[in-house]
């Protein structure tokens, strides 16, 4: 009874924390310039790393099944924000390698994290 409840609560805590990730892209929606074509929400890779570490910390049958399903079976992708450099129009005209770089907003890329126990 109580032992089973504790096992489920520990894993549920990891899931609830992951559900509150600040940066997510809902299923079949456009955000950050990226369309999420998956049936499920994708999260920032930092949130997925915390989720994975939380599940590994619990390290029981339930958390291992959840982690295996999320990372290995569904292979839920995650995304990161990366600064990128972009040529400006003035720099293209001047052909100056130093002046040819400026910060753009963000680049969203997808990544994959694996659950290994």
N, C-alpha and C. Protein backbone atom coordinates (compact mmCIF):
# COMPACT_ATOMS: atom_id res chain seq x y z
N UNK A 1 0.78 -1.19 0.00
CA UNK A 1 0.00 0.00 0.00
C UNK A 1 0.82 1.26 0.00
N UNK A 2 1.41 1.60 1.15
CA UNK A 2 2.13 2.86 1.29
C UNK A 2 3.39 2.90 0.43
N UNK A 3 4.06 1.75 0.31
CA UNK A 3 5.27 1.68 -0.52
C UNK A 3 4.94 1.95 -1.99
N UNK A 4 3.87 1.36 -2.47
CA UNK A 4 3.44 1.57 -3.87
C UNK A 4 3.08 3.04 -4.07
N UNK A 5 2.35 3.63 -3.12
CA UNK A 5 1.98 5.04 -3.23
C UNK A 5 3.23 5.92 -3.31
N UNK A 6 4.24 5.61 -2.51
CA UNK A 6 5.48 6.40 -2.48
C UNK A 6 6.20 6.31 -3.83
N UNK A 7 6.24 5.12 -4.40
CA UNK A 7 6.89 4.92 -5.71
C UNK A 7 6.20 5.78 -6.77
N UNK A 8 4.88 5.73 -6.79
CA UNK A 8 4.13 6.49 -7.78
C UNK A 8 4.29 7.99 -7.54
N UNK A 9 4.27 8.42 -6.28
CA UNK A 9 4.40 9.84 -5.96
C UNK A 9 5.76 10.40 -6.39
N UNK A 10 6.82 9.64 -6.20
CA UNK A 10 8.15 10.11 -6.60
C UNK A 10 8.23 10.32 -8.10
N UNK A 11 7.71 9.37 -8.87
CA UNK A 11 7.71 9.50 -10.33
C UNK A 11 6.78 10.63 -10.75
N UNK A 12 5.64 10.75 -10.10
CA UNK A 12 4.68 11.80 -10.43
C UNK A 12 5.29 13.18 -10.19
N UNK A 13 6.11 13.31 -9.16
CA UNK A 13 6.79 14.58 -8.88
C UNK A 13 7.67 14.98 -10.07
N UNK A 14 8.38 14.01 -10.64
CA UNK A 14 9.22 14.28 -11.82
C UNK A 14 8.36 14.74 -12.99
N UNK A 15 7.23 14.06 -13.20
CA UNK A 15 6.33 14.39 -14.31
C UNK A 15 5.72 15.78 -14.13
N UNK A 16 5.30 16.10 -12.91
CA UNK A 16 4.69 17.41 -12.66
C UNK A 16 5.69 18.53 -12.88
N UNK A 17 6.93 18.32 -12.44
CA UNK A 17 7.97 19.34 -12.66
C UNK A 17 8.19 19.54 -14.16
N UNK A 18 8.23 18.46 -14.92
CA UNK A 18 8.43 18.54 -16.37
C UNK A 18 7.25 19.25 -17.03
N UNK A 19 6.05 19.02 -16.54
CA UNK A 19 4.86 19.67 -17.09
C UNK A 19 4.90 21.19 -16.92
N UNK A 20 5.68 21.68 -15.97
CA UNK A 20 5.77 23.12 -15.73
C UNK A 20 6.97 23.76 -16.43
N UNK A 21 7.50 23.09 -17.42
CA UNK A 21 8.62 23.65 -18.20
C UNK A 21 8.18 24.98 -18.81
N UNK A 22 9.04 25.98 -18.70
CA UNK A 22 8.71 27.33 -19.17
C UNK A 22 8.64 27.43 -20.69
N UNK A 23 9.49 26.69 -21.39
CA UNK A 23 9.54 26.77 -22.85
C UNK A 23 9.09 25.45 -23.46
N UNK A 24 7.91 25.47 -24.06
CA UNK A 24 7.35 24.28 -24.71
C UNK A 24 6.70 24.66 -26.03
N UNK A 25 6.51 23.66 -26.88
CA UNK A 25 5.76 23.84 -28.12
C UNK A 25 4.68 22.77 -28.13
N UNK A 26 3.42 23.18 -28.06
CA UNK A 26 2.30 22.24 -28.02
C UNK A 26 2.19 21.46 -29.32
N UNK A 27 1.51 20.33 -29.24
CA UNK A 27 1.30 19.48 -30.42
C UNK A 27 0.61 20.26 -31.53
N UNK A 28 1.07 20.08 -32.74
CA UNK A 28 0.49 20.69 -33.94
C UNK A 28 0.35 22.21 -33.82
N UNK A 29 1.36 22.85 -33.22
CA UNK A 29 1.31 24.31 -33.13
C UNK A 29 2.67 24.90 -33.51
N UNK A 30 2.63 26.20 -33.82
CA UNK A 30 3.82 26.94 -34.24
C UNK A 30 4.26 27.86 -33.11
N UNK A 31 5.53 27.78 -32.74
CA UNK A 31 6.08 28.64 -31.70
C UNK A 31 7.59 28.73 -31.93
N UNK A 32 8.17 29.88 -31.66
CA UNK A 32 9.61 30.11 -31.86
C UNK A 32 10.02 29.85 -33.32
N UNK A 33 9.09 29.98 -34.24
CA UNK A 33 9.38 29.74 -35.64
C UNK A 33 9.45 28.28 -36.04
N UNK A 34 9.01 27.39 -35.16
CA UNK A 34 9.06 25.95 -35.42
C UNK A 34 7.66 25.36 -35.28
N UNK A 35 7.27 24.52 -36.23
CA UNK A 35 5.99 23.81 -36.15
C UNK A 35 6.23 22.45 -35.53
N UNK A 36 5.52 22.15 -34.44
CA UNK A 36 5.61 20.85 -33.78
C UNK A 36 4.61 19.91 -34.43
N UNK A 37 5.09 18.95 -35.21
CA UNK A 37 4.24 18.02 -35.93
C UNK A 37 3.90 16.77 -35.11
N UNK A 38 4.39 16.71 -33.89
CA UNK A 38 4.17 15.53 -33.05
C UNK A 38 2.80 15.57 -32.35
N UNK A 39 2.37 14.41 -31.87
CA UNK A 39 1.10 14.29 -31.15
C UNK A 39 1.21 14.78 -29.71
N UNK A 40 2.39 15.17 -29.30
CA UNK A 40 2.63 15.57 -27.92
C UNK A 40 3.44 16.86 -27.87
N UNK A 41 3.42 17.52 -26.75
CA UNK A 41 4.19 18.74 -26.53
C UNK A 41 5.68 18.40 -26.48
N UNK A 42 6.50 19.26 -27.07
CA UNK A 42 7.95 19.11 -26.92
C UNK A 42 8.45 20.25 -26.03
N UNK A 43 9.49 19.96 -25.27
CA UNK A 43 10.00 20.90 -24.27
C UNK A 43 11.44 21.28 -24.57
N UNK A 44 11.88 22.34 -23.91
CA UNK A 44 13.27 22.75 -23.98
C UNK A 44 14.14 21.60 -23.46
N UNK A 45 15.29 21.38 -24.07
CA UNK A 45 16.16 20.26 -23.70
C UNK A 45 16.60 20.31 -22.23
N UNK A 46 16.72 21.51 -21.68
CA UNK A 46 17.09 21.61 -20.27
C UNK A 46 16.01 20.98 -19.38
N UNK A 47 14.75 21.17 -19.74
CA UNK A 47 13.65 20.57 -18.99
C UNK A 47 13.68 19.05 -19.12
N UNK A 48 13.96 18.56 -20.34
CA UNK A 48 14.04 17.11 -20.54
C UNK A 48 15.22 16.52 -19.77
N UNK A 49 16.34 17.25 -19.69
CA UNK A 49 17.49 16.76 -18.91
C UNK A 49 17.13 16.66 -17.43
N UNK A 50 16.43 17.69 -16.92
CA UNK A 50 16.01 17.65 -15.51
C UNK A 50 15.05 16.50 -15.26
N UNK A 51 14.13 16.27 -16.22
CA UNK A 51 13.17 15.17 -16.12
C UNK A 51 13.91 13.83 -16.08
N UNK A 52 14.84 13.66 -16.99
CA UNK A 52 15.63 12.42 -17.05
C UNK A 52 16.39 12.20 -15.74
N UNK A 53 17.06 13.25 -15.26
CA UNK A 53 17.83 13.14 -14.02
C UNK A 53 16.94 12.84 -12.83
N UNK A 54 15.75 13.43 -12.80
CA UNK A 54 14.80 13.17 -11.72
C UNK A 54 14.38 11.70 -11.73
N UNK A 55 14.03 11.19 -12.91
CA UNK A 55 13.61 9.79 -13.03
C UNK A 55 14.76 8.85 -12.66
N UNK A 56 15.97 9.17 -13.09
CA UNK A 56 17.12 8.34 -12.73
C UNK A 56 17.38 8.38 -11.23
N UNK A 57 17.09 9.53 -10.61
CA UNK A 57 17.25 9.65 -9.16
C UNK A 57 16.26 8.81 -8.39
N UNK A 58 15.04 8.70 -8.90
CA UNK A 58 14.02 7.85 -8.27
C UNK A 58 14.43 6.39 -8.44
N UNK A 59 14.82 6.03 -9.67
CA UNK A 59 15.39 4.72 -9.98
C UNK A 59 14.60 3.53 -9.42
N UNK A 60 13.34 3.45 -9.80
CA UNK A 60 12.54 2.27 -9.44
C UNK A 60 11.82 1.79 -10.70
N UNK A 61 11.02 0.77 -10.57
CA UNK A 61 10.35 0.18 -11.73
C UNK A 61 9.49 1.19 -12.47
N UNK A 62 8.70 1.97 -11.75
CA UNK A 62 7.79 2.93 -12.38
C UNK A 62 8.58 4.03 -13.10
N UNK A 63 9.55 4.63 -12.43
CA UNK A 63 10.33 5.71 -13.05
C UNK A 63 11.12 5.19 -14.25
N UNK A 64 11.63 3.98 -14.17
CA UNK A 64 12.37 3.40 -15.30
C UNK A 64 11.44 3.15 -16.49
N UNK A 65 10.23 2.70 -16.23
CA UNK A 65 9.26 2.50 -17.32
C UNK A 65 8.87 3.82 -17.97
N UNK A 66 8.63 4.84 -17.15
CA UNK A 66 8.27 6.16 -17.68
C UNK A 66 9.42 6.72 -18.52
N UNK A 67 10.62 6.65 -18.00
CA UNK A 67 11.79 7.15 -18.73
C UNK A 67 12.04 6.39 -20.01
N UNK A 68 11.93 5.08 -19.96
CA UNK A 68 12.13 4.26 -21.16
C UNK A 68 11.08 4.59 -22.21
N UNK A 69 9.83 4.73 -21.79
CA UNK A 69 8.76 5.06 -22.73
C UNK A 69 8.93 6.43 -23.35
N UNK A 70 9.28 7.40 -22.53
CA UNK A 70 9.42 8.79 -23.00
C UNK A 70 10.62 8.95 -23.93
N UNK A 71 11.78 8.48 -23.49
CA UNK A 71 13.02 8.75 -24.22
C UNK A 71 13.36 7.70 -25.28
N UNK A 72 13.03 6.43 -25.04
CA UNK A 72 13.44 5.38 -25.97
C UNK A 72 12.33 4.91 -26.90
N UNK A 73 11.10 4.84 -26.41
CA UNK A 73 10.00 4.36 -27.25
C UNK A 73 9.41 5.51 -28.06
N UNK A 74 8.92 6.54 -27.38
CA UNK A 74 8.35 7.70 -28.08
C UNK A 74 9.45 8.55 -28.72
N UNK A 75 10.64 8.51 -28.16
CA UNK A 75 11.77 9.32 -28.65
C UNK A 75 11.36 10.78 -28.80
N UNK A 76 10.80 11.32 -27.72
CA UNK A 76 10.32 12.70 -27.71
C UNK A 76 11.51 13.64 -27.93
N UNK A 77 11.46 14.45 -28.99
CA UNK A 77 12.56 15.39 -29.23
C UNK A 77 12.46 16.57 -28.27
N UNK A 78 13.55 17.29 -28.15
CA UNK A 78 13.54 18.53 -27.38
C UNK A 78 14.17 19.61 -28.25
N UNK A 79 14.15 20.84 -27.78
CA UNK A 79 14.74 21.93 -28.57
C UNK A 79 15.58 22.82 -27.68
N UNK A 80 16.49 23.56 -28.32
CA UNK A 80 17.34 24.51 -27.62
C UNK A 80 17.33 25.83 -28.37
N UNK A 81 17.63 26.90 -27.67
CA UNK A 81 17.81 28.20 -28.29
C UNK A 81 19.31 28.40 -28.47
N UNK A 82 19.72 28.82 -29.65
CA UNK A 82 21.13 29.09 -29.90
C UNK A 82 21.28 30.45 -30.55
N UNK A 83 22.24 31.22 -30.08
CA UNK A 83 22.56 32.47 -30.76
C UNK A 83 23.18 32.12 -32.09
N UNK A 84 22.93 32.91 -33.09
CA UNK A 84 23.56 32.67 -34.38
C UNK A 84 24.00 34.00 -34.97
N UNK A 85 24.93 33.93 -35.87
CA UNK A 85 25.45 35.13 -36.52
C UNK A 85 24.87 35.19 -37.93
N UNK A 86 24.64 36.41 -38.39
CA UNK A 86 24.02 36.59 -39.69
C UNK A 86 24.63 37.82 -40.37
N UNK A 87 24.87 37.71 -41.66
CA UNK A 87 25.42 38.85 -42.39
C UNK A 87 24.40 39.98 -42.48
N UNK A 88 24.85 41.21 -42.29
CA UNK A 88 23.98 42.36 -42.45
C UNK A 88 24.13 42.88 -43.88
N UNK A 89 23.16 43.64 -44.34
CA UNK A 89 23.21 44.17 -45.71
C UNK A 89 24.42 45.08 -45.89
N UNK A 90 24.72 45.92 -44.91
CA UNK A 90 25.86 46.84 -45.02
C UNK A 90 27.17 46.05 -45.11
N UNK A 91 27.28 44.99 -44.34
CA UNK A 91 28.50 44.19 -44.36
C UNK A 91 28.67 43.48 -45.69
N UNK A 92 27.57 43.05 -46.29
CA UNK A 92 27.64 42.39 -47.60
C UNK A 92 28.19 43.36 -48.64
N UNK A 93 27.77 44.63 -48.56
CA UNK A 93 28.24 45.63 -49.51
C UNK A 93 29.71 45.96 -49.29
N UNK A 94 30.13 46.00 -48.02
CA UNK A 94 31.51 46.34 -47.70
C UNK A 94 32.45 45.14 -47.87
N UNK A 95 31.90 43.96 -47.86
CA UNK A 95 32.66 42.71 -47.93
C UNK A 95 33.72 42.65 -46.81
N UNK A 96 33.35 43.12 -45.67
CA UNK A 96 34.25 43.10 -44.52
C UNK A 96 33.91 41.90 -43.63
N UNK A 97 34.87 41.00 -43.41
CA UNK A 97 34.56 39.83 -42.59
C UNK A 97 34.23 40.18 -41.14
N UNK A 98 34.83 41.23 -40.61
CA UNK A 98 34.56 41.63 -39.23
C UNK A 98 33.17 42.23 -39.11
N UNK A 99 32.81 43.09 -40.07
CA UNK A 99 31.52 43.76 -40.00
C UNK A 99 30.38 42.88 -40.50
N UNK A 100 30.71 41.67 -40.96
CA UNK A 100 29.66 40.86 -41.57
C UNK A 100 28.86 40.03 -40.58
N UNK A 101 29.12 40.22 -39.29
CA UNK A 101 28.40 39.41 -38.30
C UNK A 101 27.57 40.28 -37.38
N UNK A 102 26.36 39.83 -37.12
CA UNK A 102 25.51 40.49 -36.13
C UNK A 102 24.66 39.43 -35.46
N UNK A 103 24.25 39.68 -34.26
CA UNK A 103 23.42 38.70 -33.55
C UNK A 103 22.00 38.73 -34.07
N UNK A 104 21.47 37.57 -34.38
CA UNK A 104 20.05 37.47 -34.71
C UNK A 104 19.34 37.03 -33.44
N UNK A 105 18.05 36.85 -33.51
CA UNK A 105 17.30 36.51 -32.31
C UNK A 105 17.68 35.13 -31.78
N UNK A 106 17.10 34.10 -32.33
CA UNK A 106 17.34 32.75 -31.84
C UNK A 106 17.21 31.75 -32.98
N UNK A 107 17.85 30.63 -32.81
CA UNK A 107 17.71 29.50 -33.72
C UNK A 107 17.19 28.33 -32.91
N UNK A 108 16.15 27.71 -33.35
CA UNK A 108 15.61 26.57 -32.63
C UNK A 108 16.04 25.31 -33.36
N UNK A 109 16.66 24.41 -32.62
CA UNK A 109 17.07 23.13 -33.20
C UNK A 109 16.49 22.01 -32.36
N UNK A 110 16.40 20.85 -32.94
CA UNK A 110 15.88 19.71 -32.17
C UNK A 110 17.03 18.82 -31.76
N UNK A 111 16.86 18.14 -30.67
CA UNK A 111 17.86 17.21 -30.17
C UNK A 111 17.17 15.99 -29.60
N UNK A 112 17.94 15.03 -29.15
CA UNK A 112 17.36 13.82 -28.60
C UNK A 112 18.15 13.46 -27.35
N UNK A 113 17.44 13.11 -26.30
CA UNK A 113 18.09 12.61 -25.11
C UNK A 113 17.65 11.17 -24.92
N UNK A 114 18.53 10.34 -24.46
CA UNK A 114 18.22 8.93 -24.27
C UNK A 114 18.19 8.58 -22.81
N UNK A 115 17.30 7.71 -22.43
CA UNK A 115 17.18 7.24 -21.06
C UNK A 115 17.95 5.95 -20.95
N UNK A 116 19.02 5.97 -20.18
CA UNK A 116 19.80 4.75 -19.96
C UNK A 116 19.91 4.52 -18.48
N UNK A 117 19.60 3.34 -18.07
CA UNK A 117 19.68 3.05 -16.63
C UNK A 117 20.77 2.04 -16.35
